[in-house]
C-alpha atoms as a PDB file:
ATOM      1  CA  MET A   1     136.927 144.792  90.299  1.00  0.00           C
ATOM      2  CA  THR A   2     135.674 141.395  91.472  1.00  0.00           C
ATOM      3  CA  HIS A   3     132.711 140.109  89.520  1.00  0.00           C
ATOM      4  CA  ILE A   4     129.658 139.221  91.609  1.00  0.00           C
ATOM      5  CA  PRO A   5     127.820 136.153  90.312  1.00  0.00           C
ATOM      6  CA  ILE A   6     124.127 136.761  89.699  1.00  0.00           C
ATOM      7  CA  HIS A   7     123.136 133.133  89.345  1.00  0.00           C
ATOM      8  CA  PRO A   8     125.205 131.381  92.008  1.00  0.00           C
ATOM      9  CA  ARG A   9     123.311 128.119  92.138  1.00  0.00           C
ATOM     10  CA  THR A  10     124.333 125.356  89.801  1.00  0.00           C
ATOM     11  CA  LEU A  11     123.061 121.829  90.179  1.00  0.00           C
ATOM     12  CA  SER A  12     125.691 119.208  89.546  1.00  0.00           C
ATOM     13  CA  HIS A  13     124.488 116.246  87.529  1.00  0.00           C
ATOM     14  CA  GLN A  14     127.380 114.118  88.694  1.00  0.00           C
ATOM     15  CA  PRO A  15     126.370 111.160  90.875  1.00  0.00           C
ATOM     16  CA  LEU A  16     127.175 111.668  94.511  1.00  0.00           C
ATOM     17  CA  HIS A  17     127.578 107.931  94.992  1.00  0.00           C
ATOM     18  CA  PRO A  18     129.335 105.846  92.309  1.00  0.00           C
ATOM     19  CA  PRO A  19     127.221 103.094  90.723  1.00  0.00           C
ATOM     20  CA  LEU A  20     127.700  99.655  92.223  1.00  0.00           C
ATOM     21  CA  LYS A  21     129.818  97.250  90.229  1.00  0.00           C
ATOM     22  CA  ALA A  22     128.111  95.028  87.693  1.00  0.00           C
ATOM     23  CA  SER A  23     128.782  91.991  89.855  1.00  0.00           C
ATOM     24  CA  SER A  24     126.470  93.427  92.505  1.00  0.00           C
ATOM     25  CA  GLY A  25     123.514  93.216  90.172  1.00  0.00           C
ATOM     26  CA  LEU A  26     122.559  96.846  90.920  1.00  0.00           C
ATOM     27  CA  SER A  27     124.521  98.765  88.307  1.00  0.00           C
ATOM     28  CA  TYR A  28     121.937  99.155  85.522  1.00  0.00           C
ATOM     29  CA  PHE A  29     119.138 101.710  85.349  1.00  0.00           C
ATOM     30  CA  PRO A  30     116.881 102.449  82.379  1.00  0.00           C
ATOM     31  CA  PRO A  31     117.562 105.818  80.702  1.00  0.00           C
ATOM     32  CA  PRO A  32     115.742 108.912  82.091  1.00  0.00           C
ATOM     33  CA  SER A  33     113.540 109.011  79.005  1.00  0.00           C
ATOM     34  CA  CYS A  34     111.725 105.954  80.354  1.00  0.00           C
ATOM     35  CA  LEU A  35     110.390 107.936  83.321  1.00  0.00           C
ATOM     36  CA  GLU A  36     106.635 108.354  83.295  1.00  0.00           C
ATOM     37  CA  ASN A  37     104.381 110.819  85.052  1.00  0.00           C
ATOM     38  CA  VAL A  38     103.158 109.743  88.452  1.00  0.00           C
ATOM     39  CA  ASP A  39     100.159 111.361  90.139  1.00  0.00           C
ATOM     40  CA  LEU A  40     101.061 113.055  93.383  1.00  0.00           C
ATOM     41  CA  LYS A  41      99.410 112.176  96.665  1.00  0.00           C
ATOM     42  CA  THR A  42      97.399 115.072  98.051  1.00  0.00           C
ATOM     43  CA  ASP A  43      99.022 114.962 101.481  1.00  0.00           C
ATOM     44  CA  THR A  44     102.491 114.860  99.935  1.00  0.00           C
ATOM     45  CA  VAL A  45     101.833 117.904  97.760  1.00  0.00           C
ATOM     46  CA  LEU A  46     100.195 119.812 100.612  1.00  0.00           C
ATOM     47  CA  GLU A  47     103.164 119.210 102.880  1.00  0.00           C
ATOM     48  CA  ALA A  48     105.529 120.190 100.077  1.00  0.00           C
ATOM     49  CA  LEU A  49     103.605 123.380  99.360  1.00  0.00           C
ATOM     50  CA  ILE A  50     103.664 124.487 103.010  1.00  0.00           C
ATOM     51  CA  GLY A  51     107.298 123.478 103.460  1.00  0.00           C
ATOM     52  CA  GLU A  52     108.493 125.262 100.336  1.00  0.00           C
ATOM     53  CA  THR A  53     106.509 128.368 101.236  1.00  0.00           C
ATOM     54  CA  HIS A  54     108.125 128.466 104.676  1.00  0.00           C
ATOM     55  CA  HIS A  55     111.550 128.014 103.105  1.00  0.00           C
ATOM     56  CA  ALA A  56     111.001 130.903 100.670  1.00  0.00           C
ATOM     57  CA  VAL A  57     109.503 133.120 103.387  1.00  0.00           C
ATOM     58  CA  SER A  58     112.531 132.588 105.643  1.00  0.00           C
ATOM     59  CA  ARG A  59     114.825 133.718 102.808  1.00  0.00           C
ATOM     60  CA  THR A  60     112.541 136.658 102.104  1.00  0.00           C
ATOM     61  CA  ALA A  61     112.880 137.666 105.759  1.00  0.00           C
ATOM     62  CA  VAL A  62     116.681 137.685 105.414  1.00  0.00           C
ATOM     63  CA  LEU A  63     116.665 139.795 102.233  1.00  0.00           C
ATOM     64  CA  ALA A  64     114.082 142.228 103.613  1.00  0.00           C
ATOM     65  CA  SER A  65     116.012 142.581 106.887  1.00  0.00           C
ATOM     66  CA  TRP A  66     119.051 143.516 104.845  1.00  0.00           C
ATOM     67  CA  THR A  67     117.229 146.039 102.637  1.00  0.00           C
ATOM     68  CA  ASN A  68     115.793 147.687 105.768  1.00  0.00           C
ATOM     69  CA  ALA A  69     119.363 148.279 106.953  1.00  0.00           C
ATOM     70  CA  LEU A  70     120.719 149.709 103.685  1.00  0.00           C
ATOM     71  CA  ALA A  71     120.678 153.208 105.169  1.00  0.00           C
ATOM     72  CA  ARG A  72     124.072 152.085 106.457  1.00  0.00           C
ATOM     73  CA  PRO A  73     126.080 152.041 103.197  1.00  0.00           C
ATOM     74  CA  GLU A  74     128.478 149.377 104.436  1.00  0.00           C
ATOM     75  CA  MET A  75     125.584 146.894 104.551  1.00  0.00           C
ATOM     76  CA  ALA A  76     125.832 146.635 100.756  1.00  0.00           C
ATOM     77  CA  LEU A  77     129.032 144.648 101.245  1.00  0.00           C
ATOM     78  CA  ASN A  78     126.905 141.666 102.361  1.00  0.00           C
ATOM     79  CA  ALA A  79     125.387 141.326  98.890  1.00  0.00           C
ATOM     80  CA  PRO A  80     127.627 138.471  97.650  1.00  0.00           C
ATOM     81  CA  THR A  81     126.531 136.337 100.606  1.00  0.00           C
ATOM     82  CA  LEU A  82     122.894 137.262 100.114  1.00  0.00           C
ATOM     83  CA  SER A  83     123.002 136.321  96.433  1.00  0.00           C
ATOM     84  CA  THR A  84     123.137 132.666  97.508  1.00  0.00           C
ATOM     85  CA  LEU A  85     119.959 133.083  99.590  1.00  0.00           C
ATOM     86  CA  ILE A  86     117.606 134.504  96.968  1.00  0.00           C
ATOM     87  CA  PRO A  87     114.453 132.337  97.072  1.00  0.00           C
ATOM     88  CA  GLU A  88     113.469 130.751  93.771  1.00  0.00           C
ATOM     89  CA  ASP A  89     110.153 129.338  92.584  1.00  0.00           C
ATOM     90  CA  PRO A  90     109.942 125.717  93.799  1.00  0.00           C
ATOM     91  CA  ALA A  91     108.947 122.743  91.670  1.00  0.00           C
ATOM     92  CA  ILE A  92     105.686 122.542  93.614  1.00  0.00           C
ATOM     93  CA  MET A  93     104.408 125.600  91.711  1.00  0.00           C
ATOM     94  CA  ILE A  94     103.932 123.382  88.639  1.00  0.00           C
ATOM     95  CA  THR A  95     101.724 121.082  90.663  1.00  0.00           C
ATOM     96  CA  MET A  96      99.769 124.050  92.015  1.00  0.00           C
ATOM     97  CA  ARG A  97      98.885 125.076  88.480  1.00  0.00           C
ATOM     98  CA  ARG A  98      97.503 121.570  87.910  1.00  0.00           C
ATOM     99  CA  TRP A  99      95.432 121.875  91.081  1.00  0.00           C
ATOM    100  CA  ILE A 100      93.792 125.097  89.939  1.00  0.00           C
ATOM    101  CA  ARG A 101      92.524 123.331  86.828  1.00  0.00           C
ATOM    102  CA  SER A 102      91.084 120.433  88.844  1.00  0.00           C
ATOM    103  CA  SER A 103      89.713 119.695  92.272  1.00  0.00           C
ATOM    104  CA  THR A 104      91.920 120.906  95.098  1.00  0.00           C
ATOM    105  CA  PRO A 105      92.088 120.320  98.866  1.00  0.00           C
ATOM    106  CA  LEU A 106      93.036 123.980  99.278  1.00  0.00           C
ATOM    107  CA  SER A 107      90.732 126.941  98.924  1.00  0.00           C
ATOM    108  CA  VAL A 108      91.010 129.150  95.866  1.00  0.00           C
ATOM    109  CA  GLU A 109      92.014 132.014  98.169  1.00  0.00           C
ATOM    110  CA  THR A 110      94.892 130.000  99.660  1.00  0.00           C
ATOM    111  CA  LEU A 111      96.197 129.063  96.229  1.00  0.00           C
ATOM    112  CA  HIS A 112      95.814 132.635  95.033  1.00  0.00           C
ATOM    113  CA  GLN A 113      97.727 134.124  97.973  1.00  0.00           C
ATOM    114  CA  THR A 114     100.488 131.525  97.709  1.00  0.00           C
ATOM    115  CA  GLN A 115     100.930 132.089  93.993  1.00  0.00           C
ATOM    116  CA  ALA A 116     100.856 135.862  94.512  1.00  0.00           C
ATOM    117  CA  PHE A 117     103.683 135.522  97.024  1.00  0.00           C
ATOM    118  CA  PHE A 118     105.919 133.606  94.614  1.00  0.00           C
ATOM    119  CA  TRP A 119     104.970 135.860  91.696  1.00  0.00           C
ATOM    120  CA  ASN A 120     105.994 138.980  93.633  1.00  0.00           C
ATOM    121  CA  LEU A 121     109.239 137.281  94.640  1.00  0.00           C
ATOM    122  CA  GLY A 122     110.112 137.355  90.948  1.00  0.00           C
ATOM    123  CA  LYS A 123     109.979 141.142  90.977  1.00  0.00           C
ATOM    124  CA  ALA A 124     112.062 141.307  94.153  1.00  0.00           C
ATOM    125  CA  ARG A 125     114.654 138.983  92.628  1.00  0.00           C
ATOM    126  CA  GLU A 126     114.917 141.218  89.592  1.00  0.00           C
ATOM    127  CA  SER A 127     115.543 144.283  91.767  1.00  0.00           C
ATOM    128  CA  PHE A 128     118.353 142.478  93.561  1.00  0.00           C
ATOM    129  CA  ARG A 129     119.956 141.235  90.348  1.00  0.00           C
ATOM    130  CA  SER A 130     119.722 144.697  88.824  1.00  0.00           C
ATOM    131  CA  PHE A 131     121.572 145.978  91.872  1.00  0.00           C
ATOM    132  CA  LEU A 132     124.265 143.301  91.439  1.00  0.00           C
ATOM    133  CA  ASN A 133     124.645 144.166  87.757  1.00  0.00           C
ATOM    134  CA  GLU A 134     125.318 147.785  88.623  1.00  0.00           C
ATOM    135  CA  ALA A 135     127.586 146.776  91.495  1.00  0.00           C
ATOM    136  CA  ASN A 136     129.804 144.982  89.004  1.00  0.00           C
ATOM    137  CA  GLN A 137     130.288 148.335  87.281  1.00  0.00           C
ATOM    138  CA  ILE A 138     130.491 150.889  90.089  1.00  0.00           C
ATOM    139  CA  GLY A 139     131.001 148.869  93.270  1.00  0.00           C
ATOM    140  CA  LEU A 140     128.725 147.581  96.001  1.00  0.00           C
ATOM    141  CA  ILE A 141     128.470 150.685  98.171  1.00  0.00           C
ATOM    142  CA  LYS A 142     127.638 153.086  95.337  1.00  0.00           C
ATOM    143  CA  ALA A 143     125.147 150.631  93.853  1.00  0.00           C
ATOM    144  CA  GLY A 144     123.584 150.177  97.277  1.00  0.00           C
ATOM    145  CA  ILE A 145     123.001 153.903  97.602  1.00  0.00           C
ATOM    146  CA  LEU A 146     121.438 154.121  94.138  1.00  0.00           C
ATOM    147  CA  HIS A 147     119.211 151.045  94.506  1.00  0.00           C
ATOM    148  CA  ARG A 148     118.325 151.319  98.192  1.00  0.00           C
ATOM    149  CA  THR A 149     114.763 152.589  97.729  1.00  0.00           C
ATOM    150  CA  LEU A 150     113.872 150.144  94.954  1.00  0.00           C
ATOM    151  CA  LEU A 151     115.319 147.217  96.913  1.00  0.00           C
ATOM    152  CA  ALA A 152     113.510 148.159 100.106  1.00  0.00           C
ATOM    153  CA  ASP A 153     110.182 148.678  98.320  1.00  0.00           C
ATOM    154  CA  SER A 154     110.310 145.439  96.332  1.00  0.00           C
ATOM    155  CA  TRP A 155     111.237 143.255  99.314  1.00  0.00           C
ATOM    156  CA  GLN A 156     108.665 144.958 101.543  1.00  0.00           C
ATOM    157  CA  ILE A 157     106.060 143.984  98.954  1.00  0.00           C
ATOM    158  CA  GLY A 158     107.424 140.458  99.218  1.00  0.00           C
ATOM    159  CA  VAL A 159     106.971 140.607 103.002  1.00  0.00           C
ATOM    160  CA  LYS A 160     103.377 141.796 102.607  1.00  0.00           C
ATOM    161  CA  HIS A 161     102.508 138.889 100.323  1.00  0.00           C
ATOM    162  CA  ALA A 162     104.388 136.434 102.536  1.00  0.00           C
ATOM    163  CA  LEU A 163     102.170 137.471 105.449  1.00  0.00           C
ATOM    164  CA  LYS A 164      99.056 136.963 103.335  1.00  0.00           C
ATOM    165  CA  ALA A 165     100.223 133.528 102.127  1.00  0.00           C
ATOM    166  CA  LEU A 166     101.043 132.292 105.648  1.00  0.00           C
ATOM    167  CA  ASN A 167      97.722 133.510 107.028  1.00  0.00           C
ATOM    168  CA  ALA A 168      95.812 131.939 104.130  1.00  0.00           C
ATOM    169  CA  GLN A 169      97.573 128.596 104.674  1.00  0.00           C
ATOM    170  CA  ALA A 170      96.983 128.592 108.441  1.00  0.00           C
ATOM    171  CA  SER A 171      93.803 126.483 108.511  1.00  0.00           C
ATOM    172  CA  GLN A 172      95.187 123.778 106.213  1.00  0.00           C
ATOM    173  CA  THR A 173      98.448 123.731 108.164  1.00  0.00           C
ATOM    174  CA  GLU A 174      96.683 123.321 111.493  1.00  0.00           C
ATOM    175  CA  LEU A 175      94.209 120.663 110.340  1.00  0.00           C
ATOM    176  CA  ASN A 176      96.317 118.487 108.039  1.00  0.00           C
ATOM    177  CA  LEU A 177      99.975 118.686 109.034  1.00  0.00           C
ATOM    178  CA  PRO A 178     102.096 118.019 112.138  1.00  0.00           C
ATOM    179  CA  ASP A 179     102.277 120.783 114.748  1.00  0.00           C
ATOM    180  CA  ILE A 180     105.852 121.641 113.735  1.00  0.00           C
ATOM    181  CA  TYR A 181     104.517 123.384 110.608  1.00  0.00           C
ATOM    182  CA  GLN A 182     102.282 125.705 112.599  1.00  0.00           C
ATOM    183  CA  GLU A 183     105.175 126.445 114.964  1.00  0.00           C
ATOM    184  CA  ASN A 184     107.228 127.308 111.914  1.00  0.00           C
ATOM    185  CA  ALA A 185     104.530 129.602 110.547  1.00  0.00           C
ATOM    186  CA  ASN A 186     104.167 131.403 113.886  1.00  0.00           C
ATOM    187  CA  ALA A 187     107.922 132.029 114.061  1.00  0.00           C
ATOM    188  CA  LEU A 188     107.906 133.405 110.523  1.00  0.00           C
ATOM    189  CA  LEU A 189     104.889 135.624 111.177  1.00  0.00           C
ATOM    190  CA  ASN A 190     106.695 137.088 114.179  1.00  0.00           C
ATOM    191  CA  LEU A 191     109.772 137.856 112.064  1.00  0.00           C
ATOM    192  CA  LEU A 192     107.752 139.395 109.251  1.00  0.00           C
ATOM    193  CA  SER A 193     105.816 141.664 111.620  1.00  0.00           C
ATOM    194  CA  LYS A 194     109.125 143.157 112.799  1.00  0.00           C
ATOM    195  CA  ILE A 195     110.432 143.555 109.262  1.00  0.00           C
ATOM    196  CA  LYS A 196     107.188 145.185 108.103  1.00  0.00           C
ATOM    197  CA  THR A 197     107.788 148.033 110.580  1.00  0.00           C
ATOM    198  CA  GLY A 198     111.388 148.557 109.446  1.00  0.00           C
ATOM    199  CA  GLY A 199     113.209 146.089 111.678  1.00  0.00           C
ATOM    200  CA  SER A 200     116.082 143.793 110.731  1.00  0.00           C
ATOM    201  CA  PRO A 201     115.649 140.683 112.919  1.00  0.00           C
ATOM    202  CA  CYS A 202     117.767 138.559 110.575  1.00  0.00           C
ATOM    203  CA  LEU A 203     120.894 140.661 111.094  1.00  0.00           C
ATOM    204  CA  ASN A 204     123.335 140.437 113.978  1.00  0.00           C
ATOM    205  CA  PRO A 205     124.308 143.675 115.777  1.00  0.00           C
ATOM    206  CA  ASN A 206     127.498 143.834 113.690  1.00  0.00           C
ATOM    207  CA  GLY A 207     125.462 143.611 110.462  1.00  0.00           C
ATOM    208  CA  THR A 208     126.238 139.999 109.553  1.00  0.00           C
ATOM    209  CA  ILE A 209     123.482 137.709 108.305  1.00  0.00           C
ATOM    210  CA  ARG A 210     121.584 135.526 110.788  1.00  0.00           C
ATOM    211  CA  LEU A 211     119.356 132.877 109.240  1.00  0.00           C
ATOM    212  CA  PRO A 212     116.007 132.409 111.012  1.00  0.00           C
ATOM    213  CA  ASP A 213     116.096 129.765 113.743  1.00  0.00           C
ATOM    214  CA  LEU A 214     112.941 127.880 112.808  1.00  0.00           C
ATOM    215  CA  PRO A 215     111.553 124.894 114.730  1.00  0.00           C
ATOM    216  CA  ASN A 216     111.749 122.464 111.807  1.00  0.00           C
ATOM    217  CA  GLN A 217     115.391 123.380 111.152  1.00  0.00           C
ATOM    218  CA  ARG A 218     116.348 122.128 114.580  1.00  0.00           C
ATOM    219  CA  ARG A 219     115.639 118.698 113.174  1.00  0.00           C
ATOM    220  CA  SER A 220     117.226 117.173 110.091  1.00  0.00           C
ATOM    221  CA  ALA A 221     116.263 119.632 107.345  1.00  0.00           C
ATOM    222  CA  ARG A 222     114.352 118.176 104.401  1.00  0.00           C
ATOM    223  CA  ARG A 223     114.047 119.525 100.886  1.00  0.00           C
ATOM    224  CA  TYR A 224     111.251 118.454  98.578  1.00  0.00           C
ATOM    225  CA  LEU A 225     112.182 116.785  95.290  1.00  0.00           C
ATOM    226  CA  LEU A 226     108.713 115.879  93.922  1.00  0.00           C
ATOM    227  CA  GLU A 227     109.942 113.989  90.899  1.00  0.00           C
ATOM    228  CA  ASN A 228     109.957 110.489  89.493  1.00  0.00           C
ATOM    229  CA  CYS A 229     112.919 108.237  90.107  1.00  0.00           C
ATOM    230  CA  PHE A 230     114.096 104.701  89.475  1.00  0.00           C
ATOM    231  CA  VAL A 231     114.671 102.344  92.370  1.00  0.00           C
ATOM    232  CA  LYS A 232     116.722  99.183  91.946  1.00  0.00           C
ATOM    233  CA  THR A 233     117.079  96.324  94.367  1.00  0.00           C
ATOM    234  CA  GLN A 234     118.935  93.065  93.880  1.00  0.00           C
ATOM    235  CA  LYS A 235     115.950  91.515  92.083  1.00  0.00           C
ATOM    236  CA  GLN A 236     113.817  94.309  90.645  1.00  0.00           C
ATOM    237  CA  THR A 237     113.765  97.791  89.112  1.00  0.00           C
ATOM    238  CA  PHE A 238     110.706 100.017  89.333  1.00  0.00           C
ATOM    239  CA  THR A 239     109.578 103.615  88.935  1.00  0.00           C
ATOM    240  CA  ALA A 240     108.828 105.434  92.201  1.00  0.00           C
ATOM    241  CA  PHE A 241     108.276 108.991  93.363  1.00  0.00           C
ATOM    242  CA  ALA A 242     111.072 110.838  95.193  1.00  0.00           C
ATOM    243  CA  ARG A 243     109.245 112.915  97.807  1.00  0.00           C
ATOM    244  CA  ASP A 244     111.989 114.597  99.828  1.00  0.00           C
ATOM    245  CA  VAL A 245     115.653 114.404 100.748  1.00  0.00           C
ATOM    246  CA  SER A 246     117.733 115.221 103.808  1.00  0.00           C
ATOM    247  CA  MET A 247     121.404 114.831 104.614  1.00  0.00           C
ATOM    248  CA  GLY A 248     120.737 111.323 105.870  1.00  0.00           C
ATOM    249  CA  GLY A 249     118.332 109.892 103.330  1.00  0.00           C
ATOM    250  CA  MET A 250     115.384 110.125 100.966  1.00  0.00           C
ATOM    251  CA  GLY A 251     111.628 109.583 101.265  1.00  0.00           C
ATOM    252  CA  ILE A 252     110.016 107.740  98.368  1.00  0.00           C
ATOM    253  CA  ASP A 253     106.391 106.915  97.533  1.00  0.00           C
ATOM    254  CA  ARG A 254     104.585 104.528  95.147  1.00  0.00           C
ATOM    255  CA  VAL A 255     106.841 101.617  96.035  1.00  0.00           C
ATOM    256  CA  PRO A 256     106.096  97.897  96.457  1.00  0.00           C
ATOM    257  CA  TYR A 257     106.915  96.150  99.700  1.00  0.00           C
ATOM    258  CA  LEU A 258     110.555  96.626 100.696  1.00  0.00           C
ATOM    259  CA  PRO A 259     111.977  94.711 103.679  1.00  0.00           C
ATOM    260  CA  ILE A 260     113.704  96.773 106.368  1.00  0.00           C
ATOM    261  CA  GLY A 261     117.468  96.727 105.812  1.00  0.00           C
ATOM    262  CA  LYS A 262     117.247  95.868 102.097  1.00  0.00           C
ATOM    263  CA  PRO A 263     119.998  97.542  99.966  1.00  0.00           C
ATOM    264  CA  VAL A 264     118.664  99.835  97.240  1.00  0.00           C
ATOM    265  CA  MET A 265     119.869 102.307  94.670  1.00  0.00           C
ATOM    266  CA  ILE A 266     117.912 105.375  93.578  1.00  0.00           C
ATOM    267  CA  LYS A 267     118.450 107.248  90.335  1.00  0.00           C
ATOM    268  CA  LEU A 268     117.028 110.742  89.778  1.00  0.00           C
ATOM    269  CA  PRO A 269     116.238 112.178  86.317  1.00  0.00           C
ATOM    270  CA  THR A 270     119.401 114.313  86.567  1.00  0.00           C
ATOM    271  CA  GLY A 271     121.477 111.134  86.565  1.00  0.00           C
ATOM    272  CA  ARG A 272     122.523 111.259  90.200  1.00  0.00           C
ATOM    273  CA  ILE A 273     122.597 107.861  91.880  1.00  0.00           C
ATOM    274  CA  PHE A 274     122.286 107.223  95.608  1.00  0.00           C
ATOM    275  CA  SER A 275     122.927 103.976  97.444  1.00  0.00           C
ATOM    276  CA  GLY A 276     121.490 103.072 100.815  1.00  0.00           C
ATOM    277  CA  TYR A 277     119.127 100.725 102.596  1.00  0.00           C
ATOM    278  CA  VAL A 278     115.492 100.664 103.658  1.00  0.00           C
ATOM    279  CA  ARG A 279     115.106 102.280 107.056  1.00  0.00           C
ATOM    280  CA  TRP A 280     111.302 102.000 107.261  1.00  0.00           C
ATOM    281  CA  TYR A 281     108.348 100.967 105.107  1.00  0.00           C
ATOM    282  CA  LYS A 282     104.635 101.784 105.477  1.00  0.00           C
ATOM    283  CA  THR A 283     101.859 101.034 102.968  1.00  0.00           C
ATOM    284  CA  THR A 284     103.456 102.318  99.713  1.00  0.00           C
ATOM    285  CA  SER A 285     106.076 104.655 101.171  1.00  0.00           C
ATOM    286  CA  ALA A 286     109.607 104.054 102.379  1.00  0.00           C
ATOM    287  CA  GLY A 287     112.499 105.872 103.984  1.00  0.00           C
ATOM    288  CA  ILE A 288     115.943 105.199 102.537  1.00  0.00           C
ATOM    289  CA  GLU A 289     119.027 105.910 104.639  1.00  0.00           C
ATOM    290  CA  PHE A 290     122.073 106.807 102.543  1.00  0.00           C
ATOM    291  CA  ASP A 291     125.269 104.813 102.864  1.00  0.00           C
ATOM    292  CA  THR A 292     127.105 108.146 102.903  1.00  0.00           C
ATOM    293  CA  PRO A 293     125.257 111.259 104.177  1.00  0.00           C
ATOM    294  CA  LEU A 294     125.030 114.287 101.908  1.00  0.00           C
ATOM    295  CA  ALA A 295     127.239 117.259 102.648  1.00  0.00           C
ATOM    296  CA  PRO A 296     125.416 120.254 104.158  1.00  0.00           C
ATOM    297  CA  THR A 297     126.325 122.220 101.005  1.00  0.00           C
ATOM    298  CA  ASP A 298     124.987 119.580  98.592  1.00  0.00           C
ATOM    299  CA  PRO A 299     122.936 121.232  95.790  1.00  0.00           C
ATOM    300  CA  LEU A 300     119.932 119.053  96.622  1.00  0.00           C
ATOM    301  CA  LEU A 301     119.768 120.645 100.081  1.00  0.00           C
ATOM    302  CA  SER A 302     120.358 124.223  98.965  1.00  0.00           C
ATOM    303  CA  ILE A 303     117.784 126.778  97.904  1.00  0.00           C
END
């Protein structure tokens, strides 16, 4: 019987781009241990929190659509594909815990509902992984029949808390972020309302998975990194803050003036090194366009 992986995501620490040759003057970076904590900008963290919540809610919608359809035993055969879509707790949750202990631009209720959503996702994840464990012993269809009720209940609870988190975030989203985030939230709320009543809007008629078509995904998708990094130019090396990444480039904060078109290298704490050039610069933030775009399946862009 084919083994179904329970933890499908592995993050490669191998550099995507090879370091430049020593003659270029850009080959050396200090070791990761030299990285220091950098305070996050409020607007950056807020955008990351909303974006990561939307990302996790969209995956929750897919899993809950599937569990609603498990009355059809053959739907259990989709489990290996779904195992790659299980939403995980994002790095932003660490920052949220810091916020609760200090002043915060978000209400206590918003933070509470958002944390409750991610906390309940942990229970839903466990129900799915328990199902996969049993499927490795008795097969997908039999395991689906045995676990159908538990799966449906746990992911419906996830849907309930996703609705509460999106509604709690609505005022901050509308007041502080671009309109695309509210459009995203409205699309997700519409999906969740259908799933709450037993629908499966994230499944095609033939039972295959259909990822939500969200407004922000029609643009170049970004994933939040929210970690320190080293940036090296021809003449200087400095610590910066890697805000987000897309297939085409990376957004960084806490940087000195960088001329448009200037070649740079960025090193993340994992050891991955990216080469590119400055696409734009404003105040203390910059956009770096990669010399070679990331693959759509790159671990940095996955869940």
